């Protein structure tokens, strides 16, 4: 292969690798936002369960909750989620990125079943499935 063709082939390979890295990066930011959002909801629920029976006074309950390290970590997670979300939106159109955030409406209740022994009615399960189908359709429509 002549030197010019090798150079062009290397440049094409670098461009392809850079495009693949950019695609992975944008989905990592969306995934991080999703994970941090779910984490925050589950942590708040866990700490509410722990502190819920401790007091009947709302102000005391709020004080106990918002001085709890778990609750503070969920707030830090929310801040990090907003940062990763802004980085995702820098790279992805809103119409392509936002449907993924709807997955929180499925992941959080499912985690509630697994972690907190909550139950889901059949219509709730159907609703969760519809969310997943809707996200899938929305994402495939943006491809």
Protein backbone atom coordinates (compact mmCIF):
# COMPACT_ATOMS: atom_id res chain seq x y z
CA UNK A 1 0.00 0.00 0.00
CA UNK A 2 1.51 3.38 -0.97
CA UNK A 3 2.36 5.75 1.88
CA UNK A 4 -0.48 8.16 1.08
CA UNK A 5 -3.11 5.41 1.25
CA UNK A 6 -1.75 4.12 4.55
CA UNK A 7 -1.91 7.62 5.98
CA UNK A 8 -5.51 8.03 4.80
CA UNK A 9 -6.45 4.63 6.23
CA UNK A 10 -4.94 5.53 9.61
CA UNK A 11 -6.80 8.85 9.62
CA UNK A 12 -10.08 7.09 8.78
CA UNK A 13 -9.46 4.58 11.57
CA UNK A 14 -8.74 7.39 14.05
CA UNK A 15 -11.94 9.20 13.03
CA UNK A 16 -13.97 6.01 13.47
CA UNK A 17 -12.42 5.37 16.89
CA UNK A 18 -13.06 8.97 17.95
CA UNK A 19 -16.71 8.73 16.84
CA UNK A 20 -17.16 5.45 18.72
CA UNK A 21 -15.57 6.96 21.84
CA UNK A 22 -17.89 9.98 21.59
CA UNK A 23 -20.92 7.68 21.30
CA UNK A 24 -19.84 5.65 24.34
CA UNK A 25 -19.13 8.85 26.28
CA UNK A 26 -22.56 10.38 25.69
CA UNK A 27 -24.32 7.18 26.78
CA UNK A 28 -22.07 6.95 29.83
CA UNK A 29 -23.22 10.43 30.86
CA UNK A 30 -26.87 9.48 30.35
CA UNK A 31 -26.32 6.21 32.25
CA UNK A 32 -24.58 8.03 35.10
CA UNK A 33 -27.47 10.49 35.33
CA UNK A 34 -29.95 7.64 35.43
CA UNK A 35 -27.97 5.70 38.06
CA UNK A 36 -27.47 8.75 40.28
CA UNK A 37 -31.16 9.65 40.06
CA UNK A 38 -32.25 6.14 41.01
CA UNK A 39 -29.67 6.05 43.81
CA UNK A 40 -31.01 9.31 45.24
CA UNK A 41 -34.61 8.08 45.28
CA UNK A 42 -33.73 4.76 46.88
CA UNK A 43 -31.48 6.34 49.50
CA UNK A 44 -34.18 8.86 50.45
CA UNK A 45 -36.71 6.04 50.81
CA UNK A 46 -34.34 3.93 52.91
CA UNK A 47 -33.55 6.79 55.26
CA UNK A 48 -37.26 7.74 55.47
CA UNK A 49 -38.01 4.16 56.53
CA UNK A 50 -35.28 4.31 59.16
CA UNK A 51 -36.33 7.69 60.55
CA UNK A 52 -40.07 7.56 59.83
CA UNK A 53 -41.06 5.90 63.09
CA UNK A 54 -38.56 7.85 65.17
CA UNK A 55 -40.70 10.94 65.48
CA UNK A 56 -44.18 12.26 64.90
CA UNK A 57 -43.04 15.87 64.87
CA UNK A 58 -42.50 16.98 61.25
CA UNK A 59 -39.78 19.51 62.01
CA UNK A 60 -37.80 16.98 64.03
CA UNK A 61 -38.26 14.40 61.29
CA UNK A 62 -36.99 16.85 58.66
CA UNK A 63 -34.03 17.78 60.87
CA UNK A 64 -33.14 14.14 61.40
CA UNK A 65 -33.54 13.38 57.69
CA UNK A 66 -31.53 16.30 56.36
CA UNK A 67 -28.67 15.80 58.78
CA UNK A 68 -28.47 12.10 57.88
CA UNK A 69 -25.35 11.17 55.86
CA UNK A 70 -27.41 8.97 53.55
CA UNK A 71 -29.81 11.79 52.71
CA UNK A 72 -26.89 14.16 52.24
CA UNK A 73 -25.29 11.64 49.88
CA UNK A 74 -28.53 11.50 47.87
CA UNK A 75 -28.46 15.29 47.57
CA UNK A 76 -24.83 15.09 46.43
CA UNK A 77 -25.94 12.45 43.94
CA UNK A 78 -28.60 14.82 42.63
CA UNK A 79 -25.96 17.50 42.11
CA UNK A 80 -23.71 15.02 40.29
CA UNK A 81 -26.71 13.86 38.23
CA UNK A 82 -27.32 17.43 37.10
CA UNK A 83 -23.66 17.73 36.11
CA UNK A 84 -23.65 14.48 34.13
CA UNK A 85 -26.98 15.46 32.55
CA UNK A 86 -25.59 18.79 31.36
CA UNK A 87 -22.58 16.95 29.90
CA UNK A 88 -24.93 14.52 28.14
CA UNK A 89 -27.02 17.36 26.72
CA UNK A 90 -23.87 18.98 25.36
CA UNK A 91 -23.42 15.90 23.14
CA UNK A 92 -26.94 14.56 22.52
CA UNK A 93 -30.16 16.21 21.33
CA UNK A 94 -32.74 16.48 24.10
CA UNK A 95 -35.22 14.40 22.11
CA UNK A 96 -32.70 11.54 22.04
CA UNK A 97 -31.50 11.82 25.65
CA UNK A 98 -34.66 12.55 27.60
CA UNK A 99 -36.54 9.28 26.96
CA UNK A 100 -33.85 7.46 28.96
CA UNK A 101 -34.81 9.47 32.02
CA UNK A 102 -38.28 7.90 31.88
CA UNK A 103 -36.59 4.66 32.88
CA UNK A 104 -36.36 6.02 36.42
CA UNK A 105 -40.15 5.57 36.60
CA UNK A 106 -39.62 1.85 36.01
CA UNK A 107 -36.34 1.25 37.84
CA UNK A 108 -37.28 2.92 41.13
CA UNK A 109 -40.52 0.95 41.69
CA UNK A 110 -38.81 -2.31 40.70
CA UNK A 111 -36.01 -1.58 43.14
CA UNK A 112 -38.68 -0.78 45.76
CA UNK A 113 -40.02 -4.28 45.31
CA UNK A 114 -36.58 -5.84 45.65
CA UNK A 115 -35.15 -3.67 48.43
CA UNK A 116 -38.16 -2.61 50.49
CA UNK A 117 -40.51 -5.52 49.85
CA UNK A 118 -43.07 -3.19 48.34
CA UNK A 119 -45.66 -4.65 45.99
CA UNK A 120 -46.83 -3.74 42.53
CA UNK A 121 -50.36 -4.28 41.29
CA UNK A 122 -50.79 -5.89 37.86
CA UNK A 123 -51.74 -2.55 36.29
CA UNK A 124 -48.58 -0.98 37.74
CA UNK A 125 -46.50 -3.75 36.19
CA UNK A 126 -48.24 -3.15 32.87
CA UNK A 127 -47.49 0.55 33.21
CA UNK A 128 -43.81 -0.16 33.85
CA UNK A 129 -43.68 -2.38 30.77
CA UNK A 130 -45.31 0.36 28.72
CA UNK A 131 -42.66 2.80 29.92
CA UNK A 132 -39.89 0.47 28.77
CA UNK A 133 -41.62 -0.09 25.42
CA UNK A 134 -42.14 3.65 25.03
CA UNK A 135 -38.49 4.39 25.74
CA UNK A 136 -37.44 1.70 23.27
CA UNK A 137 -39.69 3.12 20.56
CA UNK A 138 -38.57 6.67 21.25
CA UNK A 139 -34.88 5.77 21.17
CA UNK A 140 -35.21 3.67 18.00
CA UNK A 141 -37.06 6.57 16.38
CA UNK A 142 -34.07 8.82 17.07
CA UNK A 143 -31.52 6.45 15.53
